Structures are given as structure tokens and as C-alpha cells.
Amino acid sequence: MLIIETFTATLKHDHGKRRLTIVSLSGEEGAIKQITMAENCPRIAIKNLKKISTHEIL
């Protein structure tokens, strides 16, 4: 079984805030890793991370 989770994240940076939607197969930690790599930011820049949906695929 494969679990797909969707998160929304709010990032704080020098020029304001940015809101992202992330789809992760690795849960919350996987979503955090995706954000930090894609946005080239430290973990502390993520101000809010909220799970908005979970889907299971057989």
C-alpha cells in the first residue's frame, strides 16, 4: 500500500512569505526535505506545515 499525503507550508524569507503545496510519499519529514531542497532554505524558514489530505493507493 502506498500513502500519498498533501501538505501546505508557509515559508518566511527576506522578501516576505510564500505559501506552497507539497505532495509527499515520505510523510512530514519527506515534505520538509522537499521544501528545503527546492527552495534552498533552512528548516527554520518553514513557519507552518499542515497536512491537508491523505490518500491510500493499493
PDB file of N, CA and C in Angstrom:
ATOM      1  N   MET A   1       0.835  -1.169   0.000  1.00  0.00           N
ATOM      2  CA  MET A   1       0.000   0.000   0.000  1.00  0.00           C
ATOM      3  C   MET A   1       0.891   1.247   0.000  1.00  0.00           C
ATOM      4  N   LEU A   2       0.503   2.222  -0.766  1.00  0.00           N
ATOM      5  CA  LEU A   2       1.233   3.475  -0.921  1.00  0.00           C
ATOM      6  C   LEU A   2       0.397   4.601  -0.324  1.00  0.00           C
ATOM      7  N   ILE A   3       0.991   5.430   0.520  1.00  0.00           N
ATOM      8  CA  ILE A   3       0.278   6.536   1.144  1.00  0.00           C
ATOM      9  C   ILE A   3       0.820   7.846   0.589  1.00  0.00           C
ATOM     10  N   ILE A   4      -0.082   8.637   0.029  1.00  0.00           N
ATOM     11  CA  ILE A   4       0.267   9.940  -0.530  1.00  0.00           C
ATOM     12  C   ILE A   4      -0.354  11.004   0.368  1.00  0.00           C
ATOM     13  N   GLU A   5       0.484  11.914   0.864  1.00  0.00           N
ATOM     14  CA  GLU A   5       0.000  12.978   1.729  1.00  0.00           C
ATOM     15  C   GLU A   5       0.263  14.330   1.081  1.00  0.00           C
ATOM     16  N   THR A   6      -0.697  15.245   1.235  1.00  0.00           N
ATOM     17  CA  THR A   6      -0.565  16.589   0.708  1.00  0.00           C
ATOM     18  C   THR A   6      -0.484  17.563   1.881  1.00  0.00           C
ATOM     19  N   PHE A   7       0.480  18.479   1.809  1.00  0.00           N
ATOM     20  CA  PHE A   7       0.719  19.454   2.870  1.00  0.00           C
ATOM     21  C   PHE A   7       0.688  20.858   2.284  1.00  0.00           C
ATOM     22  N   THR A   8       0.352  21.830   3.126  1.00  0.00           N
ATOM     23  CA  THR A   8       0.581  23.228   2.785  1.00  0.00           C
ATOM     24  C   THR A   8       1.643  23.740   3.749  1.00  0.00           C
ATOM     25  N   ALA A   9       2.516  24.575   3.235  1.00  0.00           N
ATOM     26  CA  ALA A   9       3.605  25.121   4.048  1.00  0.00           C
ATOM     27  C   ALA A   9       3.682  26.625   3.834  1.00  0.00           C
ATOM     28  N   THR A  10       4.031  27.317   4.902  1.00  0.00           N
ATOM     29  CA  THR A  10       4.287  28.749   4.832  1.00  0.00           C
ATOM     30  C   THR A  10       5.765  28.963   5.127  1.00  0.00           C
ATOM     31  N   LEU A  11       6.444  29.639   4.200  1.00  0.00           N
ATOM     32  CA  LEU A  11       7.866  29.938   4.355  1.00  0.00           C
ATOM     33  C   LEU A  11       8.044  31.424   4.601  1.00  0.00           C
ATOM     34  N   LYS A  12       8.958  31.762   5.470  1.00  0.00           N
ATOM     35  CA  LYS A  12       9.311  33.156   5.729  1.00  0.00           C
ATOM     36  C   LYS A  12      10.705  33.382   5.154  1.00  0.00           C
ATOM     37  N   HIS A  13      10.850  34.416   4.325  1.00  0.00           N
ATOM     38  CA  HIS A  13      12.159  34.726   3.764  1.00  0.00           C
ATOM     39  C   HIS A  13      12.379  36.232   3.761  1.00  0.00           C
ATOM     40  N   ASP A  14      13.479  36.664   3.230  1.00  0.00           N
ATOM     41  CA  ASP A  14      13.868  38.080   3.274  1.00  0.00           C
ATOM     42  C   ASP A  14      12.841  39.021   2.637  1.00  0.00           C
ATOM     43  N   HIS A  15      12.105  38.529   1.662  1.00  0.00           N
ATOM     44  CA  HIS A  15      11.187  39.379   0.906  1.00  0.00           C
ATOM     45  C   HIS A  15       9.725  39.138   1.269  1.00  0.00           C
ATOM     46  N   GLY A  16       9.446  38.475   2.385  1.00  0.00           N
ATOM     47  CA  GLY A  16       8.068  38.244   2.792  1.00  0.00           C
ATOM     48  C   GLY A  16       7.788  36.770   3.058  1.00  0.00           C
ATOM     49  N   LYS A  17       6.559  36.364   2.735  1.00  0.00           N
ATOM     50  CA  LYS A  17       6.137  34.984   2.960  1.00  0.00           C
ATOM     51  C   LYS A  17       5.762  34.333   1.640  1.00  0.00           C
ATOM     52  N   ARG A  18       5.842  33.021   1.624  1.00  0.00           N
ATOM     53  CA  ARG A  18       5.448  32.236   0.456  1.00  0.00           C
ATOM     54  C   ARG A  18       4.678  31.026   0.949  1.00  0.00           C
ATOM     55  N   ARG A  19       3.587  30.697   0.295  1.00  0.00           N
ATOM     56  CA  ARG A  19       2.798  29.518   0.642  1.00  0.00           C
ATOM     57  C   ARG A  19       2.949  28.488  -0.475  1.00  0.00           C
ATOM     58  N   LEU A  20       3.219  27.240  -0.084  1.00  0.00           N
ATOM     59  CA  LEU A  20       3.439  26.153  -1.035  1.00  0.00           C
ATOM     60  C   LEU A  20       2.500  24.991  -0.746  1.00  0.00           C
ATOM     61  N   THR A  21       2.222  24.198  -1.757  1.00  0.00           N
ATOM     62  CA  THR A  21       1.520  22.931  -1.599  1.00  0.00           C
ATOM     63  C   THR A  21       2.497  21.838  -2.012  1.00  0.00           C
ATOM     64  N   ILE A  22       2.646  20.832  -1.152  1.00  0.00           N
ATOM     65  CA  ILE A  22       3.630  19.768  -1.358  1.00  0.00           C
ATOM     66  C   ILE A  22       2.929  18.426  -1.315  1.00  0.00           C
ATOM     67  N   VAL A  23       3.262  17.544  -2.250  1.00  0.00           N
ATOM     68  CA  VAL A  23       2.778  16.168  -2.248  1.00  0.00           C
ATOM     69  C   VAL A  23       3.960  15.289  -1.872  1.00  0.00           C
ATOM     70  N   SER A  24       3.772  14.456  -0.841  1.00  0.00           N
ATOM     71  CA  SER A  24       4.890  13.664  -0.321  1.00  0.00           C
ATOM     72  C   SER A  24       4.496  12.205  -0.169  1.00  0.00           C
ATOM     73  N   LEU A  25       5.424  11.320  -0.497  1.00  0.00           N
ATOM     74  CA  LEU A  25       5.268   9.890  -0.247  1.00  0.00           C
ATOM     75  C   LEU A  25       5.986   9.489   1.033  1.00  0.00           C
ATOM     76  N   SER A  26       6.718  10.428   1.636  1.00  0.00           N
ATOM     77  CA  SER A  26       7.551  10.136   2.808  1.00  0.00           C
ATOM     78  C   SER A  26       7.078  10.858   4.063  1.00  0.00           C
ATOM     79  N   GLY A  27       5.839  11.278   4.105  1.00  0.00           N
ATOM     80  CA  GLY A  27       5.297  11.917   5.287  1.00  0.00           C
ATOM     81  C   GLY A  27       5.811  13.334   5.490  1.00  0.00           C
ATOM     82  N   GLU A  28       5.672  13.807   6.718  1.00  0.00           N
ATOM     83  CA  GLU A  28       6.036  15.178   7.051  1.00  0.00           C
ATOM     84  C   GLU A  28       7.526  15.449   6.858  1.00  0.00           C
ATOM     85  N   GLU A  29       8.363  14.533   7.298  1.00  0.00           N
ATOM     86  CA  GLU A  29       9.810  14.726   7.139  1.00  0.00           C
ATOM     87  C   GLU A  29      10.208  14.765   5.662  1.00  0.00           C
ATOM     88  N   GLY A  30       9.554  13.952   4.842  1.00  0.00           N
ATOM     89  CA  GLY A  30       9.819  13.981   3.408  1.00  0.00           C
ATOM     90  C   GLY A  30       9.409  15.301   2.783  1.00  0.00           C
ATOM     91  N   ALA A  31       8.278  15.846   3.232  1.00  0.00           N
ATOM     92  CA  ALA A  31       7.814  17.141   2.732  1.00  0.00           C
ATOM     93  C   ALA A  31       8.798  18.245   3.116  1.00  0.00           C
ATOM     94  N   ILE A  32       9.289  18.197   4.350  1.00  0.00           N
ATOM     95  CA  ILE A  32      10.263  19.190   4.807  1.00  0.00           C
ATOM     96  C   ILE A  32      11.535  19.116   3.966  1.00  0.00           C
ATOM     97  N   LYS A  33      11.987  17.912   3.685  1.00  0.00           N
ATOM     98  CA  LYS A  33      13.194  17.745   2.873  1.00  0.00           C
ATOM     99  C   LYS A  33      12.979  18.288   1.457  1.00  0.00           C
ATOM    100  N   GLN A  34      11.800  18.021   0.882  1.00  0.00           N
ATOM    101  CA  GLN A  34      11.494  18.532  -0.447  1.00  0.00           C
ATOM    102  C   GLN A  34      11.526  20.059  -0.462  1.00  0.00           C
ATOM    103  N   ILE A  35      10.938  20.674   0.550  1.00  0.00           N
ATOM    104  CA  ILE A  35      10.886  22.141   0.618  1.00  0.00           C
ATOM    105  C   ILE A  35      12.284  22.727   0.738  1.00  0.00           C
ATOM    106  N   THR A  36      13.071  22.211   1.667  1.00  0.00           N
ATOM    107  CA  THR A  36      14.407  22.779   1.888  1.00  0.00           C
ATOM    108  C   THR A  36      15.298  22.619   0.661  1.00  0.00           C
ATOM    109  N   MET A  37      15.153  21.524  -0.053  1.00  0.00           N
ATOM    110  CA  MET A  37      15.965  21.319  -1.256  1.00  0.00           C
ATOM    111  C   MET A  37      15.483  22.195  -2.412  1.00  0.00           C
ATOM    112  N   ALA A  38      14.176  22.254  -2.634  1.00  0.00           N
ATOM    113  CA  ALA A  38      13.630  23.004  -3.770  1.00  0.00           C
ATOM    114  C   ALA A  38      13.772  24.513  -3.586  1.00  0.00           C
ATOM    115  N   GLU A  39      13.597  24.982  -2.360  1.00  0.00           N
ATOM    116  CA  GLU A  39      13.653  26.416  -2.093  1.00  0.00           C
ATOM    117  C   GLU A  39      15.024  26.877  -1.616  1.00  0.00           C
ATOM    118  N   ASN A  40      15.940  25.934  -1.415  1.00  0.00           N
ATOM    119  CA  ASN A  40      17.291  26.240  -0.933  1.00  0.00           C
ATOM    120  C   ASN A  40      17.238  27.104   0.333  1.00  0.00           C
ATOM    121  N   CYS A  41      16.485  26.583   1.318  1.00  0.00           N
ATOM    122  CA  CYS A  41      16.294  27.324   2.559  1.00  0.00           C
ATOM    123  C   CYS A  41      16.545  26.411   3.760  1.00  0.00           C
ATOM    124  N   PRO A  42      16.832  26.994   4.910  1.00  0.00           N
ATOM    125  CA  PRO A  42      16.997  26.179   6.116  1.00  0.00           C
ATOM    126  C   PRO A  42      15.633  25.746   6.662  1.00  0.00           C
ATOM    127  N   ARG A  43      15.643  24.744   7.498  1.00  0.00           N
ATOM    128  CA  ARG A  43      14.408  24.228   8.103  1.00  0.00           C
ATOM    129  C   ARG A  43      13.680  25.306   8.895  1.00  0.00           C
ATOM    130  N   ILE A  44      14.413  26.188   9.501  1.00  0.00           N
ATOM    131  CA  ILE A  44      13.817  27.235  10.332  1.00  0.00           C
ATOM    132  C   ILE A  44      12.965  28.220   9.518  1.00  0.00           C
ATOM    133  N   ALA A  45      13.139  28.255   8.204  1.00  0.00           N
ATOM    134  CA  ALA A  45      12.338  29.137   7.349  1.00  0.00           C
ATOM    135  C   ALA A  45      10.902  28.629   7.197  1.00  0.00           C
ATOM    136  N   ILE A  46      10.656  27.360   7.503  1.00  0.00           N
ATOM    137  CA  ILE A  46       9.308  26.792   7.415  1.00  0.00           C
ATOM    138  C   ILE A  46       8.569  27.162   8.695  1.00  0.00           C
ATOM    139  N   LYS A  47       7.613  28.079   8.584  1.00  0.00           N
ATOM    140  CA  LYS A  47       6.899  28.574   9.755  1.00  0.00           C
ATOM    141  C   LYS A  47       5.663  27.745  10.074  1.00  0.00           C
ATOM    142  N   ASN A  48       5.080  27.114   9.071  1.00  0.00           N
ATOM    143  CA  ASN A  48       3.872  26.329   9.296  1.00  0.00           C
ATOM    144  C   ASN A  48       3.830  25.201   8.267  1.00  0.00           C
ATOM    145  N   LEU A  49       3.483  24.009   8.721  1.00  0.00           N
ATOM    146  CA  LEU A  49       3.321  22.860   7.834  1.00  0.00           C
ATOM    147  C   LEU A  49       2.078  22.117   8.296  1.00  0.00           C
ATOM    148  N   LYS A  50       1.097  22.020   7.407  1.00  0.00           N
ATOM    149  CA  LYS A  50      -0.180  21.423   7.783  1.00  0.00           C
ATOM    150  C   LYS A  50      -0.583  20.373   6.753  1.00  0.00           C
ATOM    151  N   LYS A  51      -0.959  19.180   7.239  1.00  0.00           N
ATOM    152  CA  LYS A  51      -1.428  18.114   6.357  1.00  0.00           C
ATOM    153  C   LYS A  51      -2.860  18.437   5.939  1.00  0.00           C
ATOM    154  N   ILE A  52      -3.128  18.433   4.636  1.00  0.00           N
ATOM    155  CA  ILE A  52      -4.481  18.742   4.180  1.00  0.00           C
ATOM    156  C   ILE A  52      -5.210  17.520   3.628  1.00  0.00           C
ATOM    157  N   SER A  53      -4.461  16.480   3.231  1.00  0.00           N
ATOM    158  CA  SER A  53      -5.150  15.264   2.781  1.00  0.00           C
ATOM    159  C   SER A  53      -4.197  14.064   2.803  1.00  0.00           C
ATOM    160  N   THR A  54      -4.805  12.883   2.892  1.00  0.00           N
ATOM    161  CA  THR A  54      -4.095  11.619   2.846  1.00  0.00           C
ATOM    162  C   THR A  54      -4.860  10.672   1.923  1.00  0.00           C
ATOM    163  N   HIS A  55      -4.142  10.028   1.015  1.00  0.00           N
ATOM    164  CA  HIS A  55      -4.760   9.069   0.102  1.00  0.00           C
ATOM    165  C   HIS A  55      -3.963   7.777   0.135  1.00  0.00           C
ATOM    166  N   GLU A  56      -4.662   6.653   0.160  1.00  0.00           N
ATOM    167  CA  GLU A  56      -4.026   5.351   0.114  1.00  0.00           C
ATOM    168  C   GLU A  56      -4.267   4.723  -1.248  1.00  0.00           C
ATOM    169  N   ILE A  57      -3.214   4.191  -1.830  1.00  0.00           N
ATOM    170  CA  ILE A  57      -3.317   3.524  -3.128  1.00  0.00           C
ATOM    171  C   ILE A  57      -2.869   2.089  -2.932  1.00  0.00           C
ATOM    172  N   LEU A  58      -3.664   1.159  -3.387  1.00  0.00           N
ATOM    173  CA  LEU A  58      -3.328  -0.252  -3.231  1.00  0.00           C
ATOM    174  C   LEU A  58      -2.321  -0.719  -4.238  1.00  0.00           C
TER     175      LEU A  58
END
